[in-house]
C-alpha cells in the first residue's frame, strides 16, 4: 500500500510540474506583447514585388527584361517558321529523289535540334537575368525600406508575401502596409 501511495504522489508531482511548466510558458507568451509595447515595438508590412513593379527604376528594369525576352521570342518564332517550311516541303515531296528527301530530313532534324538548344539557352539566360534583377533590386528595396522604417519608428518589416507563391500576412491593420511609402523613397533614391 505504501508503494501505491508513493506512485500516486509521484504522479501528482509530475502533473503539478507539467502544469507549472505550461503556466510559465503561457505567462511568457502573454507577457511578450507587453514587453514589445514597452520598447515601442512596431511592425509594418511591405510588398517588394509591388515596389519593383510600381517604382520608376523597377519599371525600366522590367521593361528592359521584357524587351530582351521579346527579342529572343522573335528568334525562336523565326526558327519555328523555318521548321514548318521544311516539314511542308517534306510532306509535298512529289518529284524528289530519295537522296534529296534524305537531305531535307537531315536539314529538318538539324533545325529542330538547333531550335531546342536555342530555346533552352534562352530560357536559362532569361532565368539568370530575372534572378540577377531580383537580387539587385531586393538590396535596393531593403535600403529604401530601412529608411522608411526608421523614419516611421518600425522595429520590424515583414514581406507581405504573394498569393500565387505563398501569402505570409493574412491580415494587417490599416496603416501597417508601407509599400507606397517605400515606392516613393525608392523613386527618390534610384532615379
N, C-alpha and C. Protein backbone atom coordinates (compact mmCIF):
# COMPACT_ATOMS: atom_id res chain seq x y z
N UNK A 1 0.81 -1.18 0.00
CA UNK A 1 0.00 0.00 0.00
C UNK A 1 0.87 1.25 0.00
N UNK A 2 1.99 1.17 0.72
CA UNK A 2 2.88 2.31 0.76
C UNK A 2 3.46 2.56 -0.63
N UNK A 3 3.74 1.54 -1.42
CA UNK A 3 4.23 1.67 -2.80
C UNK A 3 3.21 2.35 -3.68
N UNK A 4 1.95 2.00 -3.48
CA UNK A 4 0.88 2.60 -4.27
C UNK A 4 0.78 4.09 -3.93
N UNK A 5 0.93 4.45 -2.64
CA UNK A 5 0.86 5.84 -2.20
C UNK A 5 2.03 6.65 -2.79
N UNK A 6 3.21 6.05 -2.82
CA UNK A 6 4.37 6.74 -3.40
C UNK A 6 4.17 6.95 -4.89
N UNK A 7 3.62 5.96 -5.58
CA UNK A 7 3.36 6.06 -7.03
C UNK A 7 2.37 7.18 -7.32
N UNK A 8 1.29 7.26 -6.53
CA UNK A 8 0.28 8.30 -6.71
C UNK A 8 0.88 9.67 -6.42
N UNK A 9 1.69 9.78 -5.39
CA UNK A 9 2.34 11.05 -5.04
C UNK A 9 3.28 11.48 -6.16
N UNK A 10 3.99 10.51 -6.72
CA UNK A 10 4.92 10.79 -7.81
C UNK A 10 4.17 11.30 -9.05
N UNK A 11 3.02 10.67 -9.35
CA UNK A 11 2.18 11.10 -10.48
C UNK A 11 1.68 12.52 -10.26
N UNK A 12 1.22 12.79 -9.02
CA UNK A 12 0.74 14.15 -8.73
C UNK A 12 1.86 15.16 -8.88
N UNK A 13 3.05 14.81 -8.46
CA UNK A 13 4.21 15.71 -8.59
C UNK A 13 4.50 16.02 -10.04
N UNK A 14 4.43 15.00 -10.91
CA UNK A 14 4.66 15.20 -12.35
C UNK A 14 3.58 16.08 -12.96
N UNK A 15 2.35 15.87 -12.55
CA UNK A 15 1.24 16.68 -13.07
C UNK A 15 1.43 18.13 -12.65
N UNK A 16 1.80 18.34 -11.39
CA UNK A 16 2.00 19.71 -10.89
C UNK A 16 3.16 20.36 -11.62
N UNK A 17 4.26 19.62 -11.82
CA UNK A 17 5.39 20.18 -12.57
C UNK A 17 4.99 20.51 -14.01
N UNK A 18 4.22 19.64 -14.64
CA UNK A 18 3.76 19.90 -16.01
C UNK A 18 2.89 21.14 -16.05
N UNK A 19 1.95 21.25 -15.12
CA UNK A 19 1.07 22.43 -15.07
C UNK A 19 1.88 23.69 -14.82
N UNK A 20 2.86 23.60 -13.93
CA UNK A 20 3.70 24.76 -13.63
C UNK A 20 4.49 25.16 -14.87
N UNK A 21 5.01 24.17 -15.59
CA UNK A 21 5.74 24.45 -16.83
C UNK A 21 4.85 25.13 -17.86
N UNK A 22 3.65 24.61 -18.06
CA UNK A 22 2.71 25.22 -19.01
C UNK A 22 2.33 26.62 -18.58
N UNK A 23 2.16 26.81 -17.29
CA UNK A 23 1.82 28.13 -16.78
C UNK A 23 2.95 29.12 -17.07
N UNK A 24 4.19 28.69 -16.89
CA UNK A 24 5.33 29.57 -17.16
C UNK A 24 5.41 29.92 -18.65
N UNK A 25 5.21 28.92 -19.51
CA UNK A 25 5.24 29.17 -20.95
C UNK A 25 4.12 30.11 -21.36
N UNK A 26 2.92 29.86 -20.83
CA UNK A 26 1.77 30.71 -21.15
C UNK A 26 2.00 32.14 -20.68
N UNK A 27 2.54 32.30 -19.49
CA UNK A 27 2.78 33.66 -18.97
C UNK A 27 3.86 34.36 -19.78
N UNK A 28 4.84 33.60 -20.28
CA UNK A 28 5.87 34.19 -21.13
C UNK A 28 5.26 34.72 -22.42
N UNK A 29 4.43 33.91 -23.08
CA UNK A 29 3.80 34.35 -24.31
C UNK A 29 2.83 35.51 -24.08
N UNK A 30 2.14 35.48 -22.97
CA UNK A 30 1.20 36.57 -22.67
C UNK A 30 1.93 37.86 -22.37
N UNK A 31 3.13 37.77 -21.83
CA UNK A 31 3.85 38.98 -21.47
C UNK A 31 4.66 39.55 -22.63
N UNK A 32 4.85 38.77 -23.71
CA UNK A 32 5.61 39.27 -24.86
C UNK A 32 5.04 40.55 -25.45
N UNK A 33 3.74 40.63 -25.72
CA UNK A 33 3.23 41.87 -26.28
C UNK A 33 3.50 43.08 -25.37
N UNK A 34 3.44 42.87 -24.06
CA UNK A 34 3.71 43.98 -23.15
C UNK A 34 5.17 44.38 -23.19
N UNK A 35 6.05 43.39 -23.32
CA UNK A 35 7.48 43.69 -23.41
C UNK A 35 7.77 44.48 -24.67
N UNK A 36 7.15 44.06 -25.78
CA UNK A 36 7.35 44.79 -27.03
C UNK A 36 6.74 46.19 -26.95
N UNK A 37 5.60 46.31 -26.30
CA UNK A 37 4.93 47.60 -26.19
C UNK A 37 5.77 48.57 -25.38
N UNK A 38 6.42 48.09 -24.33
CA UNK A 38 7.24 48.96 -23.51
C UNK A 38 8.41 49.52 -24.32
N UNK A 39 8.91 48.74 -25.25
CA UNK A 39 10.02 49.19 -26.09
C UNK A 39 9.51 49.83 -27.38
N UNK A 40 8.23 50.11 -27.46
CA UNK A 40 7.56 50.65 -28.65
C UNK A 40 7.91 49.82 -29.89
N UNK A 41 7.66 48.55 -29.80
CA UNK A 41 7.90 47.61 -30.88
C UNK A 41 6.76 47.71 -31.87
N UNK A 42 7.06 48.14 -33.12
CA UNK A 42 6.03 48.29 -34.13
C UNK A 42 6.42 47.48 -35.37
N UNK A 43 5.40 46.91 -35.98
CA UNK A 43 5.61 46.06 -37.15
C UNK A 43 4.92 46.69 -38.35
N UNK A 44 5.57 46.58 -39.51
CA UNK A 44 4.98 47.04 -40.77
C UNK A 44 5.10 45.89 -41.78
N UNK A 45 4.35 46.01 -42.86
CA UNK A 45 4.45 45.03 -43.94
C UNK A 45 4.75 45.75 -45.24
N UNK A 46 5.31 45.01 -46.18
CA UNK A 46 5.67 45.57 -47.48
C UNK A 46 5.49 44.49 -48.54
N UNK A 47 5.17 44.92 -49.74
CA UNK A 47 5.08 44.03 -50.90
C UNK A 47 6.23 44.39 -51.85
N UNK A 48 7.37 43.69 -51.74
CA UNK A 48 8.53 44.02 -52.58
C UNK A 48 8.24 43.94 -54.07
N UNK A 49 7.39 43.00 -54.47
CA UNK A 49 7.05 42.88 -55.90
C UNK A 49 6.35 44.14 -56.38
N UNK A 50 5.47 44.70 -55.54
CA UNK A 50 4.77 45.94 -55.91
C UNK A 50 5.74 47.10 -56.00
N UNK A 51 6.74 47.12 -55.11
CA UNK A 51 7.75 48.18 -55.18
C UNK A 51 8.49 48.09 -56.50
N UNK A 52 8.88 46.89 -56.88
CA UNK A 52 9.58 46.70 -58.15
C UNK A 52 8.71 47.13 -59.32
N UNK A 53 7.45 46.70 -59.32
CA UNK A 53 6.56 46.98 -60.44
C UNK A 53 6.09 48.44 -60.49
N UNK A 54 6.04 49.13 -59.35
CA UNK A 54 5.49 50.48 -59.33
C UNK A 54 6.54 51.58 -59.24
N UNK A 55 7.78 51.24 -59.00
CA UNK A 55 8.82 52.26 -58.95
C UNK A 55 9.30 52.55 -60.37
N UNK A 56 9.80 53.76 -60.58
CA UNK A 56 10.27 54.15 -61.91
C UNK A 56 11.43 53.27 -62.38
N UNK A 57 12.44 53.10 -61.52
CA UNK A 57 13.60 52.30 -61.89
C UNK A 57 13.20 50.83 -62.08
N UNK A 58 12.30 50.34 -61.25
CA UNK A 58 11.83 48.97 -61.38
C UNK A 58 11.09 48.74 -62.69
N UNK A 59 10.24 49.70 -63.06
CA UNK A 59 9.51 49.59 -64.33
C UNK A 59 10.47 49.58 -65.51
N UNK A 60 11.51 50.41 -65.45
CA UNK A 60 12.51 50.44 -66.53
C UNK A 60 13.23 49.10 -66.62
N UNK A 61 13.61 48.56 -65.47
CA UNK A 61 14.32 47.27 -65.46
C UNK A 61 13.43 46.15 -65.99
N UNK A 62 12.17 46.15 -65.57
CA UNK A 62 11.23 45.13 -66.07
C UNK A 62 10.99 45.28 -67.56
N UNK A 63 10.92 46.54 -68.05
CA UNK A 63 10.74 46.77 -69.49
C UNK A 63 11.94 46.27 -70.28
N UNK A 64 13.14 46.49 -69.75
CA UNK A 64 14.36 46.00 -70.40
C UNK A 64 14.35 44.48 -70.45
N UNK A 65 13.97 43.86 -69.35
CA UNK A 65 13.89 42.39 -69.31
C UNK A 65 12.85 41.89 -70.31
N UNK A 66 11.71 42.55 -70.36
CA UNK A 66 10.64 42.15 -71.29
C UNK A 66 11.11 42.28 -72.74
N UNK A 67 11.82 43.37 -73.04
CA UNK A 67 12.34 43.57 -74.39
C UNK A 67 13.33 42.46 -74.74
N UNK A 68 14.18 42.10 -73.80
CA UNK A 68 15.15 41.02 -74.01
C UNK A 68 14.41 39.72 -74.34
N UNK A 69 13.36 39.44 -73.59
CA UNK A 69 12.56 38.23 -73.81
C UNK A 69 11.90 38.28 -75.19
N UNK A 70 11.36 39.43 -75.55
CA UNK A 70 10.67 39.58 -76.85
C UNK A 70 11.63 39.32 -78.02
N UNK A 71 12.86 39.84 -77.93
CA UNK A 71 13.84 39.61 -79.00
C UNK A 71 14.13 38.13 -79.13
N UNK A 72 14.30 37.46 -78.00
CA UNK A 72 14.58 36.02 -78.02
C UNK A 72 13.38 35.26 -78.57
N UNK A 73 12.18 35.70 -78.20
CA UNK A 73 10.96 35.05 -78.69
C UNK A 73 10.85 35.18 -80.20
N UNK A 74 11.20 36.34 -80.74
CA UNK A 74 11.15 36.54 -82.20
C UNK A 74 12.12 35.59 -82.90
N UNK A 75 13.31 35.42 -82.33
CA UNK A 75 14.28 34.49 -82.93
C UNK A 75 13.73 33.07 -82.94
N UNK A 76 13.09 32.68 -81.84
CA UNK A 76 12.51 31.34 -81.77
C UNK A 76 11.36 31.18 -82.76
N UNK A 77 10.57 32.22 -82.93
CA UNK A 77 9.46 32.17 -83.91
C UNK A 77 9.99 32.02 -85.33
N UNK A 78 11.11 32.68 -85.62
CA UNK A 78 11.73 32.54 -86.94
C UNK A 78 12.19 31.09 -87.15
N UNK A 79 12.79 30.52 -86.12
CA UNK A 79 13.20 29.11 -86.21
C UNK A 79 12.00 28.20 -86.43
N UNK A 80 10.90 28.46 -85.73
CA UNK A 80 9.69 27.65 -85.88
C UNK A 80 9.15 27.73 -87.30
N UNK A 81 9.17 28.93 -87.88
CA UNK A 81 8.70 29.10 -89.26
C UNK A 81 9.55 28.30 -90.23
N UNK A 82 10.88 28.32 -90.05
CA UNK A 82 11.77 27.56 -90.92
C UNK A 82 11.50 26.06 -90.80
N UNK A 83 11.25 25.61 -89.58
CA UNK A 83 10.95 24.19 -89.37
C UNK A 83 9.64 23.82 -90.06
N UNK A 84 8.63 24.67 -89.95
CA UNK A 84 7.35 24.41 -90.61
C UNK A 84 7.50 24.35 -92.13
N UNK A 85 8.31 25.23 -92.69
CA UNK A 85 8.53 25.23 -94.14
C UNK A 85 9.19 23.93 -94.58
N UNK A 86 10.19 23.49 -93.81
CA UNK A 86 10.85 22.23 -94.15
C UNK A 86 9.89 21.05 -94.03
N UNK A 87 9.04 21.06 -93.00
CA UNK A 87 8.05 19.98 -92.84
C UNK A 87 7.08 19.98 -94.02
N UNK A 88 6.65 21.16 -94.46
CA UNK A 88 5.74 21.24 -95.60
C UNK A 88 6.41 20.74 -96.87
N UNK A 89 7.69 21.06 -97.04
CA UNK A 89 8.42 20.58 -98.21
C UNK A 89 8.50 19.05 -98.21
N UNK A 90 8.71 18.49 -97.03
CA UNK A 90 8.79 17.03 -96.92
C UNK A 90 7.44 16.38 -97.22
N UNK A 91 6.36 16.99 -96.77
CA UNK A 91 5.03 16.42 -97.00
C UNK A 91 4.63 16.50 -98.47
N UNK A 92 5.01 17.55 -99.14
CA UNK A 92 4.69 17.68 -100.57
C UNK A 92 5.84 17.19 -101.41
N UNK A 93 6.34 16.04 -101.10
CA UNK A 93 7.57 15.54 -101.70
C UNK A 93 7.45 14.83 -103.02
N UNK A 94 6.54 15.18 -103.87
CA UNK A 94 6.45 14.51 -105.17
C UNK A 94 7.52 15.07 -106.10
N UNK A 95 8.12 14.20 -106.89
CA UNK A 95 9.12 14.60 -107.89
C UNK A 95 10.49 14.80 -107.28
N UNK A 96 10.71 14.29 -106.08
CA UNK A 96 12.02 14.46 -105.43
C UNK A 96 12.66 13.09 -105.29
N UNK A 97 13.96 13.05 -105.49
CA UNK A 97 14.67 11.77 -105.35
C UNK A 97 14.78 11.41 -103.87
N UNK A 98 15.10 10.15 -103.61
CA UNK A 98 15.26 9.68 -102.23
C UNK A 98 16.42 10.40 -101.56
N UNK A 99 17.46 10.69 -102.30
CA UNK A 99 18.62 11.41 -101.76
C UNK A 99 18.22 12.82 -101.36
N UNK A 100 17.46 13.51 -102.19
CA UNK A 100 17.00 14.87 -101.87
C UNK A 100 16.09 14.86 -100.64
N UNK A 101 15.24 13.86 -100.56
CA UNK A 101 14.34 13.72 -99.41
C UNK A 101 15.14 13.48 -98.14
N UNK A 102 16.18 12.63 -98.22
CA UNK A 102 17.02 12.35 -97.06
C UNK A 102 17.76 13.62 -96.60
N UNK A 103 18.27 14.39 -97.55
CA UNK A 103 18.97 15.65 -97.23
C UNK A 103 18.01 16.60 -96.54
N UNK A 104 16.79 16.67 -97.03
CA UNK A 104 15.77 17.54 -96.44
C UNK A 104 15.41 17.10 -95.02
N UNK A 105 15.32 15.78 -94.82
CA UNK A 105 15.03 15.25 -93.47
C UNK A 105 16.16 15.60 -92.49
N UNK A 106 17.39 15.44 -92.96
CA UNK A 106 18.54 15.75 -92.11
C UNK A 106 18.59 17.24 -91.78
N UNK A 107 18.27 18.06 -92.77
CA UNK A 107 18.23 19.51 -92.54
C UNK A 107 17.15 19.85 -91.51
N UNK A 108 15.99 19.22 -91.63
CA UNK A 108 14.90 19.43 -90.68
C UNK A 108 15.32 19.00 -89.28
N UNK A 109 15.93 17.82 -89.19
CA UNK A 109 16.38 17.32 -87.88
C UNK A 109 17.39 18.27 -87.26
N UNK A 110 18.31 18.78 -88.05
CA UNK A 110 19.31 19.74 -87.56
C UNK A 110 18.65 21.02 -87.06
N UNK A 111 17.66 21.51 -87.83
CA UNK A 111 16.93 22.72 -87.42
C UNK A 111 16.18 22.52 -86.10
N UNK A 112 15.57 21.35 -85.96
CA UNK A 112 14.84 21.05 -84.73
C UNK A 112 15.80 21.01 -83.54
N UNK A 113 16.95 20.37 -83.72
CA UNK A 113 17.93 20.31 -82.63
C UNK A 113 18.47 21.70 -82.28
N UNK A 114 18.76 22.50 -83.32
CA UNK A 114 19.22 23.88 -83.09
C UNK A 114 18.16 24.69 -82.34
N UNK A 115 16.91 24.52 -82.74
CA UNK A 115 15.80 25.23 -82.10
C UNK A 115 15.70 24.85 -80.62
N UNK A 116 15.78 23.56 -80.34
CA UNK A 116 15.67 23.10 -78.95
C UNK A 116 16.82 23.62 -78.10
N UNK A 117 18.04 23.59 -78.64
CA UNK A 117 19.20 24.12 -77.91
C UNK A 117 19.05 25.62 -77.65
N UNK A 118 18.64 26.34 -78.70
CA UNK A 118 18.48 27.79 -78.57
C UNK A 118 17.40 28.12 -77.54
N UNK A 119 16.30 27.38 -77.60
CA UNK A 119 15.22 27.62 -76.65
C UNK A 119 15.68 27.38 -75.21
N UNK A 120 16.40 26.32 -74.99
CA UNK A 120 16.91 26.00 -73.66
C UNK A 120 17.91 27.09 -73.20
N UNK A 121 18.79 27.49 -74.09
CA UNK A 121 19.76 28.54 -73.77
C UNK A 121 19.05 29.83 -73.42
N UNK A 122 18.05 30.20 -74.20
CA UNK A 122 17.30 31.43 -73.93
C UNK A 122 16.57 31.36 -72.59
N UNK A 123 15.98 30.20 -72.29
CA UNK A 123 15.29 30.05 -71.01
C UNK A 123 16.24 30.23 -69.84
N UNK A 124 17.41 29.61 -69.93
CA UNK A 124 18.41 29.75 -68.87
C UNK A 124 18.88 31.19 -68.75
N UNK A 125 19.08 31.82 -69.89
CA UNK A 125 19.53 33.22 -69.92
C UNK A 125 18.49 34.14 -69.25
N UNK A 126 17.24 33.95 -69.59
CA UNK A 126 16.17 34.78 -69.02
C UNK A 126 16.04 34.53 -67.52
N UNK A 127 16.11 33.26 -67.11
CA UNK A 127 16.03 32.95 -65.69
C UNK A 127 17.18 33.61 -64.93
N UNK A 128 18.37 33.59 -65.50
CA UNK A 128 19.53 34.22 -64.86
C UNK A 128 19.34 35.73 -64.77
N UNK A 129 18.83 36.33 -65.84
CA UNK A 129 18.58 37.78 -65.81
C UNK A 129 17.52 38.13 -64.77
N UNK A 130 16.47 37.32 -64.68
CA UNK A 130 15.43 37.57 -63.67
C UNK A 130 16.01 37.46 -62.26
N UNK A 131 16.81 36.44 -62.05
CA UNK A 131 17.42 36.24 -60.73
C UNK A 131 18.33 37.42 -60.38
N UNK A 132 19.17 37.83 -61.32
CA UNK A 132 20.06 38.96 -61.09
C UNK A 132 19.27 40.23 -60.80
N UNK A 133 18.22 40.46 -61.56
CA UNK A 133 17.37 41.63 -61.35
C UNK A 133 16.76 41.61 -59.95
N UNK A 134 16.22 40.47 -59.55
CA UNK A 134 15.58 40.37 -58.24
C UNK A 134 16.58 40.56 -57.10
N UNK A 135 17.75 39.96 -57.22
CA UNK A 135 18.76 40.11 -56.16
C UNK A 135 19.19 41.57 -56.06
N UNK A 136 19.47 42.19 -57.20
CA UNK A 136 19.89 43.59 -57.23
C UNK A 136 18.82 44.51 -56.65
N UNK A 137 17.58 44.31 -57.09
CA UNK A 137 16.51 45.20 -56.64
C UNK A 137 16.08 44.91 -55.20
N UNK A 138 16.21 43.68 -54.75
CA UNK A 138 15.88 43.41 -53.34
C UNK A 138 16.82 44.16 -52.41
N UNK A 139 18.10 44.27 -52.78
CA UNK A 139 19.04 45.05 -51.97
C UNK A 139 18.61 46.52 -51.94
N UNK A 140 18.22 47.04 -53.10
CA UNK A 140 17.79 48.43 -53.18
C UNK A 140 16.48 48.64 -52.42
N UNK A 141 15.57 47.70 -52.53
CA UNK A 141 14.29 47.79 -51.83
C UNK A 141 14.52 47.72 -50.32
N UNK A 142 15.44 46.87 -49.90
CA UNK A 142 15.76 46.78 -48.47
C UNK A 142 16.28 48.11 -47.95
N UNK A 143 17.13 48.78 -48.75
CA UNK A 143 17.65 50.09 -48.34
C UNK A 143 16.55 51.12 -48.20
N UNK A 144 15.66 51.19 -49.17
CA UNK A 144 14.55 52.15 -49.11
C UNK A 144 13.60 51.80 -47.96
N UNK A 145 13.39 50.51 -47.73
CA UNK A 145 12.52 50.06 -46.64
C UNK A 145 13.11 50.46 -45.30
N UNK A 146 14.41 50.32 -45.15
CA UNK A 146 15.09 50.68 -43.90
C UNK A 146 14.91 52.16 -43.61
N UNK A 147 15.05 52.99 -44.62
CA UNK A 147 14.89 54.44 -44.43
C UNK A 147 13.48 54.76 -43.96
N UNK A 148 12.47 54.19 -44.62
CA UNK A 148 11.07 54.45 -44.25
C UNK A 148 10.79 53.89 -42.86
N UNK A 149 11.27 52.69 -42.57
CA UNK A 149 11.01 52.07 -41.26
C UNK A 149 11.63 52.89 -40.13
N UNK A 150 12.85 53.35 -40.34
CA UNK A 150 13.49 54.16 -39.31
C UNK A 150 12.77 55.50 -39.12
N UNK A 151 12.35 56.10 -40.22
CA UNK A 151 11.62 57.37 -40.14
C UNK A 151 10.30 57.21 -39.40
N UNK A 152 9.61 56.09 -39.63
CA UNK A 152 8.30 55.86 -39.02
C UNK A 152 8.37 55.14 -37.67
N UNK A 153 9.55 54.67 -37.29
CA UNK A 153 9.71 54.01 -36.00
C UNK A 153 9.31 52.55 -35.97
N UNK A 154 9.39 51.88 -37.11
CA UNK A 154 9.07 50.46 -37.15
C UNK A 154 10.30 49.65 -36.75
N UNK A 155 10.09 48.66 -35.91
CA UNK A 155 11.18 47.78 -35.46
C UNK A 155 11.34 46.58 -36.38
N UNK A 156 10.27 46.23 -37.06
CA UNK A 156 10.27 45.03 -37.90
C UNK A 156 9.39 45.28 -39.12
N UNK A 157 9.90 44.91 -40.30
CA UNK A 157 9.11 45.00 -41.53
C UNK A 157 9.07 43.60 -42.14
N UNK A 158 7.85 43.12 -42.39
CA UNK A 158 7.64 41.75 -42.88
C UNK A 158 7.22 41.81 -44.35
N UNK A 159 7.78 40.91 -45.14
CA UNK A 159 7.38 40.74 -46.54
C UNK A 159 5.94 40.23 -46.54
N UNK A 160 5.09 40.96 -47.24
CA UNK A 160 3.66 40.63 -47.28
C UNK A 160 3.40 39.27 -47.91
N UNK A 161 4.28 38.87 -48.80
CA UNK A 161 4.09 37.60 -49.49
C UNK A 161 3.28 37.78 -50.75
N UNK A 162 2.99 36.69 -51.39
CA UNK A 162 2.33 36.72 -52.68
C UNK A 162 1.32 35.58 -52.71
N UNK A 163 0.11 35.87 -53.11
CA UNK A 163 -0.94 34.84 -53.14
C UNK A 163 -0.59 33.70 -54.08
N UNK A 164 0.12 34.01 -55.17
CA UNK A 164 0.47 32.97 -56.15
C UNK A 164 1.52 32.02 -55.60
N UNK A 165 2.44 32.54 -54.77
CA UNK A 165 3.51 31.70 -54.25
C UNK A 165 3.19 31.27 -52.83
N UNK A 166 3.21 32.23 -51.91
CA UNK A 166 2.89 31.93 -50.53
C UNK A 166 2.51 33.23 -49.83
N UNK A 167 1.29 33.31 -49.37
CA UNK A 167 0.83 34.50 -48.68
C UNK A 167 1.28 34.41 -47.23
N UNK A 168 2.10 35.34 -46.81
CA UNK A 168 2.66 35.31 -45.46
C UNK A 168 1.75 36.04 -44.49
N UNK A 169 1.32 37.24 -44.87
CA UNK A 169 0.47 38.04 -43.99
C UNK A 169 -0.98 37.81 -44.40
N UNK A 170 -1.77 37.32 -43.49
CA UNK A 170 -3.17 37.05 -43.77
C UNK A 170 -4.02 38.28 -43.48
N UNK A 171 -3.67 39.02 -42.44
CA UNK A 171 -4.40 40.22 -42.08
C UNK A 171 -3.42 41.24 -41.51
N UNK A 172 -3.68 42.50 -41.82
CA UNK A 172 -2.92 43.58 -41.19
C UNK A 172 -3.84 44.79 -41.06
N UNK A 173 -3.65 45.52 -39.97
CA UNK A 173 -4.46 46.71 -39.74
C UNK A 173 -4.06 47.79 -40.74
N UNK A 174 -5.00 48.66 -41.02
CA UNK A 174 -4.74 49.76 -41.94
C UNK A 174 -3.58 50.60 -41.42
N UNK A 175 -2.72 51.00 -42.29
CA UNK A 175 -1.59 51.82 -41.91
C UNK A 175 -0.31 51.04 -41.66
N UNK A 176 -0.41 49.73 -41.64
CA UNK A 176 0.80 48.92 -41.43
C UNK A 176 1.54 48.65 -42.74
N UNK A 177 0.86 48.75 -43.86
CA UNK A 177 1.47 48.49 -45.16
C UNK A 177 2.19 49.77 -45.62
N UNK A 178 3.50 49.70 -45.72
CA UNK A 178 4.30 50.88 -46.08
C UNK A 178 4.81 50.79 -47.52
N UNK A 179 4.22 49.93 -48.32
CA UNK A 179 4.68 49.72 -49.70
C UNK A 179 4.71 51.03 -50.49
N UNK A 180 3.63 51.81 -50.43
CA UNK A 180 3.58 53.06 -51.20
C UNK A 180 4.68 54.04 -50.77
N UNK A 181 4.93 54.11 -49.47
CA UNK A 181 6.00 54.99 -48.98
C UNK A 181 7.37 54.53 -49.46
N UNK A 182 7.55 53.21 -49.49
CA UNK A 182 8.82 52.67 -49.96
C UNK A 182 8.99 52.94 -51.45
N UNK A 183 7.91 52.86 -52.22
CA UNK A 183 7.99 53.19 -53.65
C UNK A 183 8.44 54.64 -53.82
N UNK A 184 7.87 55.55 -53.04
CA UNK A 184 8.28 56.97 -53.12
C UNK A 184 9.74 57.14 -52.75
N UNK A 185 10.16 56.50 -51.69
CA UNK A 185 11.56 56.59 -51.26
C UNK A 185 12.48 55.97 -52.32
N UNK A 186 12.06 54.85 -52.88
CA UNK A 186 12.84 54.18 -53.92
C UNK A 186 12.98 55.08 -55.13
N UNK A 187 11.89 55.77 -55.52
CA UNK A 187 11.95 56.68 -56.66
C UNK A 187 12.90 57.84 -56.41
N UNK A 188 12.95 58.32 -55.17
CA UNK A 188 13.86 59.43 -54.86
C UNK A 188 15.31 58.97 -54.84
N UNK A 189 15.54 57.77 -54.38
CA UNK A 189 16.89 57.25 -54.23
C UNK A 189 17.45 56.71 -55.54
N UNK A 190 16.63 56.02 -56.31
CA UNK A 190 17.08 55.34 -57.54
C UNK A 190 16.33 55.90 -58.74
N UNK A 191 16.93 56.87 -59.37
CA UNK A 191 16.26 57.53 -60.50
C UNK A 191 16.69 56.95 -61.81
